[in-house]
Amino acid sequence: NNNGEGIWLYLSKKNNISKNIGKNNKRSGILLDGSDINTLSGNTANNNKESGIYLYYSENNTLSGNIANNNYFGINLADSDFNNITENTLFDNNICYSEDEASKENTFKYNICVKEEPSDDDWIISGVIGILIASIILIGLSVLYWQFKRKVK
């Protein structure tokens, strides 16, 4: 709860940052700035003005099992490469996760993004649920049609 970052790693390598809370900051909850080969897991970054978790000029980091709620960006990457971002939960951020054009070869897998107002840039869980429901309905209708057709013959 300050005028800058909550947790700030600057030019740091091979750290394990886990089970911390960065909230109500003017900038980011957790910032990796020029920091490589770090692991962030089980952290919470809520109600920050900019990013929940922000990687700036940082490479080969692993972000897993973190929660970022009610930030502008849930997870934001700028000029950061070869990071592995998996199984994070991002609620009610304006943008779930973002990487700029200078960022390369980052992996985003199995993250959950939930928003009240979806944007075109986000993979939204509600959209997936809608697709699943529509698929189930179509399968159900196909089965009913097939059974009806069998009885008519």
N, C-alpha and C. Protein backbone atom coordinates (compact mmCIF):
# COMPACT_ATOMS: atom_id res chain seq x y z
N ASN A 1 0.85 -1.18 0.00
CA ASN A 1 0.00 0.00 0.00
C ASN A 1 0.89 1.24 0.00
N ASN A 2 1.37 1.65 -1.19
CA ASN A 2 2.28 2.79 -1.26
C ASN A 2 2.14 3.52 -2.59
N ASN A 3 3.04 4.45 -2.84
CA ASN A 3 2.97 5.28 -4.04
C ASN A 3 3.65 4.66 -5.25
N GLY A 4 4.25 3.50 -5.11
CA GLY A 4 4.92 2.85 -6.24
C GLY A 4 4.49 1.41 -6.36
N GLU A 5 5.49 0.52 -6.31
CA GLU A 5 5.23 -0.91 -6.42
C GLU A 5 5.07 -1.49 -5.01
N GLY A 6 4.35 -2.61 -4.94
CA GLY A 6 4.27 -3.30 -3.66
C GLY A 6 5.54 -4.10 -3.41
N ILE A 7 5.85 -5.04 -4.30
CA ILE A 7 7.05 -5.87 -4.22
C ILE A 7 7.83 -5.61 -5.51
N TRP A 8 9.11 -5.23 -5.39
CA TRP A 8 9.89 -4.84 -6.55
C TRP A 8 11.23 -5.59 -6.54
N LEU A 9 11.43 -6.44 -7.54
CA LEU A 9 12.72 -7.10 -7.73
C LEU A 9 13.44 -6.37 -8.85
N TYR A 10 14.62 -5.86 -8.57
CA TYR A 10 15.39 -5.10 -9.54
C TYR A 10 16.72 -5.81 -9.79
N LEU A 11 16.96 -6.18 -11.05
CA LEU A 11 18.18 -6.86 -11.46
C LEU A 11 18.49 -8.05 -10.55
N SER A 12 17.47 -8.86 -10.31
CA SER A 12 17.60 -10.01 -9.41
C SER A 12 17.47 -11.31 -10.18
N LYS A 13 18.19 -12.34 -9.72
CA LYS A 13 18.15 -13.64 -10.39
C LYS A 13 17.94 -14.76 -9.38
N LYS A 14 17.23 -15.80 -9.86
CA LYS A 14 17.07 -17.06 -9.13
C LYS A 14 16.44 -16.88 -7.75
N ASN A 15 15.38 -16.11 -7.68
CA ASN A 15 14.63 -15.93 -6.43
C ASN A 15 13.33 -16.71 -6.49
N ASN A 16 12.84 -17.09 -5.33
CA ASN A 16 11.54 -17.74 -5.21
C ASN A 16 10.65 -16.81 -4.39
N ILE A 17 9.66 -16.22 -5.05
CA ILE A 17 8.75 -15.28 -4.41
C ILE A 17 7.41 -15.97 -4.28
N SER A 18 7.01 -16.29 -3.05
CA SER A 18 5.76 -17.03 -2.88
C SER A 18 5.01 -16.55 -1.64
N LYS A 19 3.68 -16.65 -1.75
CA LYS A 19 2.75 -16.36 -0.66
C LYS A 19 2.88 -14.94 -0.12
N ASN A 20 3.03 -13.98 -1.03
CA ASN A 20 3.07 -12.57 -0.67
C ASN A 20 1.81 -11.88 -1.15
N ILE A 21 1.54 -10.71 -0.59
CA ILE A 21 0.38 -9.91 -1.00
C ILE A 21 0.88 -8.52 -1.39
N GLY A 22 0.55 -8.10 -2.61
CA GLY A 22 0.83 -6.74 -3.06
C GLY A 22 -0.50 -6.09 -3.42
N LYS A 23 -0.99 -5.19 -2.59
CA LYS A 23 -2.32 -4.62 -2.85
C LYS A 23 -2.36 -3.12 -2.59
N ASN A 24 -3.31 -2.48 -3.25
CA ASN A 24 -3.60 -1.05 -3.08
C ASN A 24 -2.39 -0.16 -3.36
N ASN A 25 -1.61 -0.50 -4.38
CA ASN A 25 -0.44 0.30 -4.74
C ASN A 25 -0.77 1.22 -5.92
N LYS A 26 -0.05 2.32 -6.00
CA LYS A 26 -0.27 3.29 -7.08
C LYS A 26 0.18 2.74 -8.43
N ARG A 27 1.10 1.78 -8.42
CA ARG A 27 1.57 1.21 -9.68
C ARG A 27 1.26 -0.27 -9.74
N SER A 28 2.21 -1.14 -9.43
CA SER A 28 2.01 -2.59 -9.55
C SER A 28 2.10 -3.28 -8.20
N GLY A 29 1.39 -4.40 -8.09
CA GLY A 29 1.48 -5.20 -6.88
C GLY A 29 2.84 -5.88 -6.78
N ILE A 30 3.29 -6.49 -7.88
CA ILE A 30 4.59 -7.17 -7.95
C ILE A 30 5.25 -6.78 -9.26
N LEU A 31 6.48 -6.28 -9.19
CA LEU A 31 7.24 -5.89 -10.38
C LEU A 31 8.56 -6.64 -10.43
N LEU A 32 8.82 -7.30 -11.55
CA LEU A 32 10.14 -7.85 -11.85
C LEU A 32 10.74 -6.93 -12.90
N ASP A 33 11.81 -6.25 -12.55
CA ASP A 33 12.43 -5.24 -13.39
C ASP A 33 13.86 -5.68 -13.70
N GLY A 34 14.09 -6.14 -14.93
CA GLY A 34 15.41 -6.63 -15.30
C GLY A 34 15.81 -7.86 -14.50
N SER A 35 14.83 -8.66 -14.15
CA SER A 35 15.06 -9.82 -13.28
C SER A 35 14.77 -11.11 -14.03
N ASP A 36 15.69 -12.07 -13.93
CA ASP A 36 15.62 -13.30 -14.71
C ASP A 36 15.65 -14.54 -13.82
N ILE A 37 15.04 -15.61 -14.35
CA ILE A 37 15.08 -16.95 -13.75
C ILE A 37 14.51 -16.94 -12.32
N ASN A 38 13.39 -16.27 -12.14
CA ASN A 38 12.71 -16.22 -10.85
C ASN A 38 11.43 -17.03 -10.92
N THR A 39 10.94 -17.45 -9.76
CA THR A 39 9.67 -18.15 -9.66
C THR A 39 8.74 -17.36 -8.77
N LEU A 40 7.56 -17.00 -9.31
CA LEU A 40 6.50 -16.35 -8.53
C LEU A 40 5.36 -17.34 -8.42
N SER A 41 5.01 -17.74 -7.21
CA SER A 41 3.92 -18.70 -7.05
C SER A 41 3.13 -18.40 -5.78
N GLY A 42 1.83 -18.55 -5.89
CA GLY A 42 0.95 -18.39 -4.74
C GLY A 42 0.86 -16.99 -4.19
N ASN A 43 1.16 -15.99 -5.01
CA ASN A 43 1.08 -14.59 -4.58
C ASN A 43 -0.29 -14.01 -4.92
N THR A 44 -0.65 -12.95 -4.23
CA THR A 44 -1.90 -12.24 -4.50
C THR A 44 -1.58 -10.78 -4.78
N ALA A 45 -2.13 -10.24 -5.87
CA ALA A 45 -1.92 -8.84 -6.24
C ALA A 45 -3.28 -8.22 -6.56
N ASN A 46 -3.81 -7.46 -5.62
CA ASN A 46 -5.17 -6.92 -5.73
C ASN A 46 -5.20 -5.40 -5.66
N ASN A 47 -6.14 -4.82 -6.39
CA ASN A 47 -6.49 -3.40 -6.28
C ASN A 47 -5.30 -2.47 -6.52
N ASN A 48 -4.46 -2.79 -7.49
CA ASN A 48 -3.35 -1.92 -7.86
C ASN A 48 -3.76 -1.09 -9.07
N LYS A 49 -3.28 0.14 -9.13
CA LYS A 49 -3.70 1.06 -10.20
C LYS A 49 -3.26 0.59 -11.59
N GLU A 50 -2.09 -0.02 -11.69
CA GLU A 50 -1.60 -0.46 -12.99
C GLU A 50 -1.69 -1.98 -13.10
N SER A 51 -0.61 -2.69 -12.85
CA SER A 51 -0.59 -4.14 -13.03
C SER A 51 -0.63 -4.88 -11.70
N GLY A 52 -1.30 -6.02 -11.72
CA GLY A 52 -1.17 -6.91 -10.58
C GLY A 52 0.25 -7.44 -10.54
N ILE A 53 0.69 -8.07 -11.64
CA ILE A 53 2.06 -8.57 -11.79
C ILE A 53 2.62 -8.00 -13.09
N TYR A 54 3.79 -7.38 -13.01
CA TYR A 54 4.38 -6.70 -14.16
C TYR A 54 5.82 -7.19 -14.35
N LEU A 55 6.11 -7.70 -15.54
CA LEU A 55 7.47 -8.09 -15.90
C LEU A 55 8.00 -7.09 -16.92
N TYR A 56 9.11 -6.44 -16.58
CA TYR A 56 9.72 -5.41 -17.41
C TYR A 56 11.18 -5.79 -17.66
N TYR A 57 11.53 -6.02 -18.92
CA TYR A 57 12.88 -6.46 -19.29
C TYR A 57 13.30 -7.68 -18.46
N SER A 58 12.43 -8.65 -18.34
CA SER A 58 12.70 -9.82 -17.51
C SER A 58 12.51 -11.10 -18.33
N GLU A 59 13.41 -12.07 -18.13
CA GLU A 59 13.40 -13.29 -18.95
C GLU A 59 13.44 -14.55 -18.10
N ASN A 60 12.88 -15.62 -18.70
CA ASN A 60 12.95 -16.97 -18.13
C ASN A 60 12.39 -17.06 -16.72
N ASN A 61 11.30 -16.38 -16.48
CA ASN A 61 10.64 -16.45 -15.17
C ASN A 61 9.44 -17.39 -15.26
N THR A 62 9.05 -17.93 -14.12
CA THR A 62 7.87 -18.78 -14.03
C THR A 62 6.87 -18.12 -13.09
N LEU A 63 5.65 -17.88 -13.61
CA LEU A 63 4.55 -17.34 -12.81
C LEU A 63 3.47 -18.40 -12.78
N SER A 64 3.18 -18.93 -11.60
CA SER A 64 2.22 -20.02 -11.51
C SER A 64 1.43 -19.93 -10.20
N GLY A 65 0.12 -20.13 -10.32
CA GLY A 65 -0.73 -20.17 -9.14
C GLY A 65 -0.90 -18.85 -8.43
N ASN A 66 -0.73 -17.75 -9.14
CA ASN A 66 -0.92 -16.42 -8.56
C ASN A 66 -2.35 -15.95 -8.80
N ILE A 67 -2.79 -15.00 -7.99
CA ILE A 67 -4.11 -14.40 -8.13
C ILE A 67 -3.93 -12.90 -8.30
N ALA A 68 -4.57 -12.34 -9.33
CA ALA A 68 -4.54 -10.90 -9.55
C ALA A 68 -5.97 -10.41 -9.76
N ASN A 69 -6.46 -9.59 -8.85
CA ASN A 69 -7.84 -9.10 -8.88
C ASN A 69 -7.89 -7.58 -8.94
N ASN A 70 -8.79 -7.07 -9.75
CA ASN A 70 -9.14 -5.66 -9.74
C ASN A 70 -7.94 -4.73 -9.96
N ASN A 71 -7.15 -5.03 -10.99
CA ASN A 71 -6.05 -4.18 -11.42
C ASN A 71 -6.36 -3.71 -12.84
N TYR A 72 -5.58 -2.78 -13.39
CA TYR A 72 -5.78 -2.46 -14.79
C TYR A 72 -5.36 -3.66 -15.65
N PHE A 73 -4.14 -4.14 -15.47
CA PHE A 73 -3.68 -5.39 -16.09
C PHE A 73 -3.55 -6.44 -14.99
N GLY A 74 -4.05 -7.63 -15.25
CA GLY A 74 -3.80 -8.72 -14.31
C GLY A 74 -2.32 -9.07 -14.33
N ILE A 75 -1.82 -9.45 -15.52
CA ILE A 75 -0.40 -9.72 -15.75
C ILE A 75 0.02 -8.96 -16.99
N ASN A 76 1.12 -8.21 -16.90
CA ASN A 76 1.57 -7.37 -18.00
C ASN A 76 3.06 -7.63 -18.26
N LEU A 77 3.41 -7.87 -19.53
CA LEU A 77 4.80 -8.09 -19.92
C LEU A 77 5.23 -7.01 -20.89
N ALA A 78 6.37 -6.38 -20.61
CA ALA A 78 6.95 -5.39 -21.51
C ALA A 78 8.41 -5.75 -21.75
N ASP A 79 8.74 -5.96 -23.01
CA ASP A 79 10.10 -6.30 -23.42
C ASP A 79 10.65 -7.46 -22.59
N SER A 80 9.82 -8.47 -22.39
CA SER A 80 10.18 -9.63 -21.57
C SER A 80 10.00 -10.90 -22.40
N ASP A 81 10.98 -11.79 -22.33
CA ASP A 81 11.01 -12.97 -23.20
C ASP A 81 11.12 -14.27 -22.40
N PHE A 82 10.63 -15.35 -23.03
CA PHE A 82 10.81 -16.72 -22.54
C PHE A 82 10.27 -16.95 -21.13
N ASN A 83 9.16 -16.32 -20.81
CA ASN A 83 8.53 -16.50 -19.50
C ASN A 83 7.42 -17.53 -19.61
N ASN A 84 7.21 -18.27 -18.54
CA ASN A 84 6.19 -19.31 -18.49
C ASN A 84 5.11 -18.86 -17.50
N ILE A 85 3.92 -18.54 -18.02
CA ILE A 85 2.83 -18.01 -17.21
C ILE A 85 1.69 -19.02 -17.25
N THR A 86 1.51 -19.77 -16.16
CA THR A 86 0.53 -20.85 -16.15
C THR A 86 -0.28 -20.87 -14.86
N GLU A 87 -1.52 -21.30 -15.01
CA GLU A 87 -2.43 -21.58 -13.89
C GLU A 87 -2.58 -20.42 -12.92
N ASN A 88 -2.64 -19.21 -13.47
CA ASN A 88 -2.92 -18.03 -12.66
C ASN A 88 -4.40 -17.71 -12.76
N THR A 89 -4.94 -17.05 -11.75
CA THR A 89 -6.35 -16.68 -11.73
C THR A 89 -6.44 -15.16 -11.74
N LEU A 90 -7.17 -14.63 -12.72
CA LEU A 90 -7.25 -13.19 -12.95
C LEU A 90 -8.72 -12.77 -12.95
N PHE A 91 -9.14 -12.05 -11.91
CA PHE A 91 -10.53 -11.63 -11.75
C PHE A 91 -10.66 -10.12 -11.89
N ASP A 92 -11.67 -9.69 -12.63
CA ASP A 92 -12.10 -8.29 -12.68
C ASP A 92 -10.97 -7.29 -12.94
N ASN A 93 -10.02 -7.65 -13.80
CA ASN A 93 -9.02 -6.70 -14.28
C ASN A 93 -9.54 -6.11 -15.58
N ASN A 94 -9.16 -4.89 -15.91
CA ASN A 94 -9.57 -4.32 -17.19
C ASN A 94 -9.06 -5.18 -18.35
N ILE A 95 -7.82 -5.63 -18.26
CA ILE A 95 -7.21 -6.53 -19.24
C ILE A 95 -6.57 -7.67 -18.46
N CYS A 96 -6.91 -8.90 -18.80
CA CYS A 96 -6.40 -10.05 -18.04
C CYS A 96 -4.89 -10.17 -18.14
N TYR A 97 -4.37 -10.33 -19.37
CA TYR A 97 -2.93 -10.35 -19.53
C TYR A 97 -2.56 -9.72 -20.86
N SER A 98 -1.36 -9.14 -20.87
CA SER A 98 -0.93 -8.39 -22.04
C SER A 98 0.58 -8.54 -22.19
N GLU A 99 1.02 -8.55 -23.45
CA GLU A 99 2.46 -8.47 -23.72
C GLU A 99 2.65 -7.54 -24.90
N ASP A 100 3.66 -6.70 -24.84
CA ASP A 100 3.90 -5.77 -25.93
C ASP A 100 4.61 -6.48 -27.09
N GLU A 101 4.78 -5.76 -28.19
CA GLU A 101 5.37 -6.35 -29.39
C GLU A 101 6.83 -6.73 -29.19
N ALA A 102 7.51 -6.11 -28.25
CA ALA A 102 8.92 -6.42 -28.00
C ALA A 102 9.10 -7.71 -27.21
N SER A 103 8.04 -8.21 -26.61
CA SER A 103 8.10 -9.46 -25.84
C SER A 103 8.00 -10.66 -26.78
N LYS A 104 8.85 -11.65 -26.57
CA LYS A 104 8.90 -12.81 -27.47
C LYS A 104 8.91 -14.12 -26.69
N GLU A 105 8.32 -15.15 -27.33
CA GLU A 105 8.42 -16.53 -26.86
C GLU A 105 7.92 -16.74 -25.43
N ASN A 106 6.89 -16.02 -25.03
CA ASN A 106 6.28 -16.25 -23.72
C ASN A 106 5.19 -17.29 -23.85
N THR A 107 5.00 -18.08 -22.82
CA THR A 107 3.99 -19.13 -22.82
C THR A 107 2.90 -18.76 -21.82
N PHE A 108 1.66 -18.65 -22.32
CA PHE A 108 0.49 -18.42 -21.48
C PHE A 108 -0.37 -19.67 -21.58
N LYS A 109 -0.48 -20.45 -20.48
CA LYS A 109 -1.29 -21.67 -20.51
C LYS A 109 -2.09 -21.81 -19.22
N TYR A 110 -3.30 -22.31 -19.39
CA TYR A 110 -4.17 -22.71 -18.28
C TYR A 110 -4.43 -21.59 -17.27
N ASN A 111 -4.40 -20.36 -17.72
CA ASN A 111 -4.77 -19.23 -16.87
C ASN A 111 -6.28 -19.05 -16.95
N ILE A 112 -6.86 -18.58 -15.88
CA ILE A 112 -8.30 -18.33 -15.84
C ILE A 112 -8.51 -16.83 -15.77
N CYS A 113 -9.32 -16.33 -16.69
CA CYS A 113 -9.65 -14.91 -16.74
C CYS A 113 -11.15 -14.76 -16.57
N VAL A 114 -11.56 -14.02 -15.57
CA VAL A 114 -12.99 -13.80 -15.34
C VAL A 114 -13.20 -12.29 -15.22
N LYS A 115 -14.12 -11.78 -16.07
CA LYS A 115 -14.41 -10.34 -16.06
C LYS A 115 -15.90 -10.13 -16.17
N GLU A 116 -16.36 -9.02 -15.60
CA GLU A 116 -17.76 -8.65 -15.77
C GLU A 116 -18.01 -8.12 -17.17
N GLU A 117 -17.05 -7.38 -17.72
CA GLU A 117 -17.19 -6.80 -19.05
C GLU A 117 -16.05 -7.30 -19.93
N PRO A 118 -16.29 -8.32 -20.75
CA PRO A 118 -15.20 -8.87 -21.57
C PRO A 118 -14.76 -7.91 -22.67
N SER A 119 -13.49 -8.02 -23.03
CA SER A 119 -12.97 -7.29 -24.18
C SER A 119 -12.59 -8.30 -25.25
N ASP A 120 -12.38 -7.83 -26.47
CA ASP A 120 -12.03 -8.71 -27.58
C ASP A 120 -10.65 -9.36 -27.40
N ASP A 121 -9.78 -8.75 -26.58
CA ASP A 121 -8.41 -9.24 -26.43
C ASP A 121 -8.27 -10.36 -25.41
N ASP A 122 -9.29 -10.63 -24.64
CA ASP A 122 -9.19 -11.60 -23.55
C ASP A 122 -9.87 -12.91 -23.89
N TRP A 123 -9.33 -13.98 -23.35
CA TRP A 123 -9.97 -15.30 -23.42
C TRP A 123 -10.80 -15.39 -22.16
N ILE A 124 -12.11 -15.37 -22.31
CA ILE A 124 -13.01 -15.26 -21.17
C ILE A 124 -13.67 -16.60 -20.88
N ILE A 125 -13.66 -16.96 -19.61
CA ILE A 125 -14.23 -18.25 -19.22
C ILE A 125 -15.72 -18.30 -19.53
N SER A 126 -16.43 -17.17 -19.44
CA SER A 126 -17.87 -17.19 -19.72
C SER A 126 -18.12 -17.55 -21.19
N GLY A 127 -17.26 -17.13 -22.09
CA GLY A 127 -17.41 -17.49 -23.49
C GLY A 127 -17.23 -18.98 -23.71
N VAL A 128 -16.29 -19.57 -23.00
CA VAL A 128 -16.07 -21.01 -23.11
C VAL A 128 -17.27 -21.76 -22.57
N ILE A 129 -17.81 -21.30 -21.44
CA ILE A 129 -18.99 -21.95 -20.88
C ILE A 129 -20.15 -21.86 -21.87
N GLY A 130 -20.31 -20.72 -22.51
CA GLY A 130 -21.37 -20.57 -23.52
C GLY A 130 -21.19 -21.54 -24.67
N ILE A 131 -19.97 -21.71 -25.13
CA ILE A 131 -19.70 -22.66 -26.22
C ILE A 131 -20.01 -24.08 -25.77
N LEU A 132 -19.62 -24.43 -24.54
CA LEU A 132 -19.91 -25.77 -24.03
C LEU A 132 -21.41 -26.02 -23.94
N ILE A 133 -22.15 -25.04 -23.43
CA ILE A 133 -23.60 -25.20 -23.31
C ILE A 133 -24.22 -25.36 -24.70
N ALA A 134 -23.80 -24.53 -25.65
CA ALA A 134 -24.34 -24.64 -27.02
C ALA A 134 -24.01 -26.00 -27.62
N SER A 135 -22.81 -26.51 -27.38
CA SER A 135 -22.43 -27.83 -27.89
C SER A 135 -23.28 -28.92 -27.28
N ILE A 136 -23.52 -28.84 -25.99
CA ILE A 136 -24.35 -29.85 -25.31
C ILE A 136 -25.77 -29.82 -25.87
N ILE A 137 -26.30 -28.63 -26.09
CA ILE A 137 -27.65 -28.51 -26.66
C ILE A 137 -27.70 -29.14 -28.05
N LEU A 138 -26.70 -28.84 -28.89
CA LEU A 138 -26.68 -29.41 -30.24
C LEU A 138 -26.55 -30.93 -30.21
N ILE A 139 -25.73 -31.45 -29.32
CA ILE A 139 -25.61 -32.90 -29.20
C ILE A 139 -26.93 -33.50 -28.74
N GLY A 140 -27.55 -32.86 -27.76
CA GLY A 140 -28.85 -33.34 -27.26
C GLY A 140 -29.90 -33.34 -28.35
N LEU A 141 -29.96 -32.29 -29.15
CA LEU A 141 -30.93 -32.23 -30.25
C LEU A 141 -30.64 -33.30 -31.30
N SER A 142 -29.37 -33.54 -31.57
CA SER A 142 -29.00 -34.58 -32.54
C SER A 142 -29.44 -35.95 -32.05
N VAL A 143 -29.25 -36.24 -30.77
CA VAL A 143 -29.67 -37.53 -30.21
C VAL A 143 -31.18 -37.66 -30.27
N LEU A 144 -31.91 -36.60 -29.91
CA LEU A 144 -33.37 -36.64 -29.97
C LEU A 144 -33.85 -36.88 -31.40
N TYR A 145 -33.25 -36.19 -32.36
CA TYR A 145 -33.62 -36.37 -33.75
C TYR A 145 -33.35 -37.81 -34.20
N TRP A 146 -32.19 -38.35 -33.82
CA TRP A 146 -31.83 -39.72 -34.19
C TRP A 146 -32.81 -40.72 -33.59
N GLN A 147 -33.19 -40.52 -32.30
CA GLN A 147 -34.14 -41.43 -31.67
C GLN A 147 -35.52 -41.31 -32.32
N PHE A 148 -35.94 -40.09 -32.62
CA PHE A 148 -37.23 -39.87 -33.27
C PHE A 148 -37.24 -40.55 -34.64
N LYS A 149 -36.16 -40.41 -35.38
CA LYS A 149 -36.05 -41.00 -36.71
C LYS A 149 -36.11 -42.53 -36.62
N ARG A 150 -35.50 -43.11 -35.60
CA ARG A 150 -35.53 -44.57 -35.41
C ARG A 150 -36.95 -45.05 -35.13
N LYS A 151 -37.72 -44.31 -34.34
CA LYS A 151 -39.08 -44.71 -33.97
C LYS A 151 -40.03 -44.59 -35.14
N VAL A 152 -39.79 -43.64 -36.04
CA VAL A 152 -40.67 -43.43 -37.18
C VAL A 152 -40.58 -44.59 -38.15
N LYS A 153 -39.43 -45.19 -38.32
CA LYS A 153 -39.24 -46.29 -39.27
C LYS A 153 -39.96 -47.47 -38.83
